[in-house]
Amino acid sequence: MRRPLAASALSTLALYFRCVVGDVSCASGGVAIVVSPSTVVVAVGGSFTPQASWCRGGRFDVVSPQWSPGSAADADIISVDRQTGRITGKRAGRATVIATYEGAEGARVSVTVE
């Protein structure tokens, strides 16, 4: 079955701009951290700052989580400002950044440095 081009494009964009832990609707009161975008490409020396939202009480609020590289090896490829989330490319490669807020960890940003 072929999906219309617009539906396919919207599905792709939704995957690109969202990384969710928990219930994305937030209506059931579930715990969720949403990071946008979930995939980033930066140049060596270039920077980008993702945004984060937190689901609590059935609504999303913009928050300032703690940000960290996914692993020690990721810190060789990128630097991450723990407070702002600003990601700066150090050398070519792929890395992961993790957002943690009020004990919930798991919202991830995949970073490619070119």
C-alpha atoms as a PDB file:
ATOM      1  CA  MET A   1       0.000   0.000   0.000  1.00  0.00           C
ATOM      2  CA  ARG A   2       1.431   3.384  -0.996  1.00  0.00           C
ATOM      3  CA  ARG A   3       1.076   6.308   1.361  1.00  0.00           C
ATOM      4  CA  PRO A   4       0.555   9.774  -0.056  1.00  0.00           C
ATOM      5  CA  LEU A   5       3.761  11.796  -0.265  1.00  0.00           C
ATOM      6  CA  ALA A   6       2.519  14.379   2.255  1.00  0.00           C
ATOM      7  CA  ALA A   7       1.703  11.720   4.870  1.00  0.00           C
ATOM      8  CA  SER A   8       5.072  10.083   4.366  1.00  0.00           C
ATOM      9  CA  ALA A   9       6.875  13.427   4.672  1.00  0.00           C
ATOM     10  CA  LEU A  10       4.983  14.308   7.867  1.00  0.00           C
ATOM     11  CA  SER A  11       5.840  10.936   9.398  1.00  0.00           C
ATOM     12  CA  THR A  12       9.496  11.460   8.585  1.00  0.00           C
ATOM     13  CA  LEU A  13       9.460  14.974  10.063  1.00  0.00           C
ATOM     14  CA  ALA A  14       7.743  13.736  13.212  1.00  0.00           C
ATOM     15  CA  LEU A  15      10.484  11.162  13.734  1.00  0.00           C
ATOM     16  CA  TYR A  16      13.192  13.727  13.025  1.00  0.00           C
ATOM     17  CA  PHE A  17      11.926  16.350  15.466  1.00  0.00           C
ATOM     18  CA  ARG A  18      10.880  14.231  18.438  1.00  0.00           C
ATOM     19  CA  CYS A  19      12.507  11.922  20.941  1.00  0.00           C
ATOM     20  CA  VAL A  20      10.101  10.759  23.600  1.00  0.00           C
ATOM     21  CA  VAL A  21      10.326   8.823  26.838  1.00  0.00           C
ATOM     22  CA  GLY A  22       6.879   7.857  28.094  1.00  0.00           C
ATOM     23  CA  ASP A  23       3.471   9.026  26.901  1.00  0.00           C
ATOM     24  CA  VAL A  24       3.773  11.662  24.152  1.00  0.00           C
ATOM     25  CA  SER A  25       0.177  12.764  24.566  1.00  0.00           C
ATOM     26  CA  CYS A  26       0.837  13.678  28.210  1.00  0.00           C
ATOM     27  CA  ALA A  27      -2.923  13.311  28.795  1.00  0.00           C
ATOM     28  CA  SER A  28      -2.582  10.274  31.035  1.00  0.00           C
ATOM     29  CA  GLY A  29      -0.174  12.080  33.342  1.00  0.00           C
ATOM     30  CA  GLY A  30       2.746   9.923  32.235  1.00  0.00           C
ATOM     31  CA  VAL A  31       6.346  10.999  32.584  1.00  0.00           C
ATOM     32  CA  ALA A  32       7.945  12.312  29.401  1.00  0.00           C
ATOM     33  CA  ILE A  33      10.949  14.298  28.299  1.00  0.00           C
ATOM     34  CA  VAL A  34      10.687  15.556  24.738  1.00  0.00           C
ATOM     35  CA  VAL A  35      13.813  16.868  22.998  1.00  0.00           C
ATOM     36  CA  SER A  36      13.606  18.740  19.731  1.00  0.00           C
ATOM     37  CA  PRO A  37      15.185  18.006  17.377  1.00  0.00           C
ATOM     38  CA  SER A  38      16.281  14.465  18.137  1.00  0.00           C
ATOM     39  CA  THR A  39      18.866  14.442  15.334  1.00  0.00           C
ATOM     40  CA  VAL A  40      21.458  17.166  14.768  1.00  0.00           C
ATOM     41  CA  VAL A  41      24.230  17.672  12.199  1.00  0.00           C
ATOM     42  CA  VAL A  42      26.931  20.214  13.053  1.00  0.00           C
ATOM     43  CA  ALA A  43      30.280  21.127  11.514  1.00  0.00           C
ATOM     44  CA  VAL A  44      33.521  20.809  13.444  1.00  0.00           C
ATOM     45  CA  GLY A  45      33.546  23.983  15.527  1.00  0.00           C
ATOM     46  CA  GLY A  46      29.824  24.529  14.917  1.00  0.00           C
ATOM     47  CA  SER A  47      27.222  24.586  17.678  1.00  0.00           C
ATOM     48  CA  PHE A  48      23.537  23.887  18.206  1.00  0.00           C
ATOM     49  CA  THR A  49      21.239  24.060  21.246  1.00  0.00           C
ATOM     50  CA  PRO A  50      18.254  21.647  21.375  1.00  0.00           C
ATOM     51  CA  GLN A  51      15.070  22.412  23.322  1.00  0.00           C
ATOM     52  CA  ALA A  52      13.470  20.197  25.977  1.00  0.00           C
ATOM     53  CA  SER A  53       9.956  19.854  27.383  1.00  0.00           C
ATOM     54  CA  TRP A  54       8.691  17.896  30.360  1.00  0.00           C
ATOM     55  CA  CYS A  55       5.268  16.316  30.779  1.00  0.00           C
ATOM     56  CA  ARG A  56       3.760  16.791  34.192  1.00  0.00           C
ATOM     57  CA  GLY A  57       0.171  17.141  35.314  1.00  0.00           C
ATOM     58  CA  GLY A  58      -1.128  16.461  31.818  1.00  0.00           C
ATOM     59  CA  ARG A  59       0.754  19.296  30.100  1.00  0.00           C
ATOM     60  CA  PHE A  60       4.166  20.004  28.627  1.00  0.00           C
ATOM     61  CA  ASP A  61       6.402  22.719  30.071  1.00  0.00           C
ATOM     62  CA  VAL A  62       9.681  23.962  28.611  1.00  0.00           C
ATOM     63  CA  VAL A  63      12.468  22.956  31.011  1.00  0.00           C
ATOM     64  CA  SER A  64      16.213  23.263  31.402  1.00  0.00           C
ATOM     65  CA  PRO A  65      17.427  19.711  32.008  1.00  0.00           C
ATOM     66  CA  GLN A  66      20.958  18.594  32.737  1.00  0.00           C
ATOM     67  CA  TRP A  67      22.671  17.609  29.492  1.00  0.00           C
ATOM     68  CA  SER A  68      25.554  15.164  29.148  1.00  0.00           C
ATOM     69  CA  PRO A  69      27.394  13.132  26.514  1.00  0.00           C
ATOM     70  CA  GLY A  70      26.019   9.609  26.170  1.00  0.00           C
ATOM     71  CA  SER A  71      29.438   8.051  26.822  1.00  0.00           C
ATOM     72  CA  ALA A  72      33.036   8.994  27.501  1.00  0.00           C
ATOM     73  CA  ALA A  73      33.841   8.354  23.812  1.00  0.00           C
ATOM     74  CA  ASP A  74      31.149  10.874  22.798  1.00  0.00           C
ATOM     75  CA  ALA A  75      33.042  13.578  24.708  1.00  0.00           C
ATOM     76  CA  ASP A  76      35.912  13.158  22.203  1.00  0.00           C
ATOM     77  CA  ILE A  77      33.542  14.110  19.350  1.00  0.00           C
ATOM     78  CA  ILE A  78      31.433  16.834  20.977  1.00  0.00           C
ATOM     79  CA  SER A  79      31.396  19.126  23.964  1.00  0.00           C
ATOM     80  CA  VAL A  80      28.118  19.729  25.793  1.00  0.00           C
ATOM     81  CA  ASP A  81      27.277  22.599  28.112  1.00  0.00           C
ATOM     82  CA  ARG A  82      25.542  20.745  30.975  1.00  0.00           C
ATOM     83  CA  GLN A  83      23.260  23.691  31.787  1.00  0.00           C
ATOM     84  CA  THR A  84      22.211  25.012  28.362  1.00  0.00           C
ATOM     85  CA  GLY A  85      22.553  21.867  26.231  1.00  0.00           C
ATOM     86  CA  ARG A  86      24.690  23.697  23.656  1.00  0.00           C
ATOM     87  CA  ILE A  87      26.410  21.023  21.556  1.00  0.00           C
ATOM     88  CA  THR A  88      29.697  21.915  19.845  1.00  0.00           C
ATOM     89  CA  GLY A  89      31.424  19.652  17.322  1.00  0.00           C
ATOM     90  CA  LYS A  90      35.059  18.845  18.170  1.00  0.00           C
ATOM     91  CA  ARG A  91      35.899  16.307  15.458  1.00  0.00           C
ATOM     92  CA  ALA A  92      34.077  14.284  12.806  1.00  0.00           C
ATOM     93  CA  GLY A  93      32.007  11.385  14.085  1.00  0.00           C
ATOM     94  CA  ARG A  94      28.735  10.436  15.734  1.00  0.00           C
ATOM     95  CA  ALA A  95      27.746  10.985  19.338  1.00  0.00           C
ATOM     96  CA  THR A  96      24.748  11.048  21.652  1.00  0.00           C
ATOM     97  CA  VAL A  97      23.610  13.678  24.141  1.00  0.00           C
ATOM     98  CA  ILE A  98      21.258  12.756  27.000  1.00  0.00           C
ATOM     99  CA  ALA A  99      18.797  15.065  28.778  1.00  0.00           C
ATOM    100  CA  THR A 100      17.966  14.345  32.432  1.00  0.00           C
ATOM    101  CA  TYR A 101      15.275  16.160  34.376  1.00  0.00           C
ATOM    102  CA  GLU A 102      13.843  15.454  37.845  1.00  0.00           C
ATOM    103  CA  GLY A 103      15.345  11.979  37.838  1.00  0.00           C
ATOM    104  CA  ALA A 104      13.977  10.968  34.428  1.00  0.00           C
ATOM    105  CA  GLU A 105      16.717  10.199  31.929  1.00  0.00           C
ATOM    106  CA  GLY A 106      16.502   8.997  28.395  1.00  0.00           C
ATOM    107  CA  ALA A 107      15.633  11.768  25.981  1.00  0.00           C
ATOM    108  CA  ARG A 108      18.491  11.608  23.499  1.00  0.00           C
ATOM    109  CA  VAL A 109      19.864  13.745  20.728  1.00  0.00           C
ATOM    110  CA  SER A 110      21.846  11.937  18.017  1.00  0.00           C
ATOM    111  CA  VAL A 111      24.664  14.173  16.788  1.00  0.00           C
ATOM    112  CA  THR A 112      26.684  13.843  13.598  1.00  0.00           C
ATOM    113  CA  VAL A 113      29.743  16.071  13.342  1.00  0.00           C
ATOM    114  CA  GLU A 114      31.001  16.647   9.819  1.00  0.00           C
END
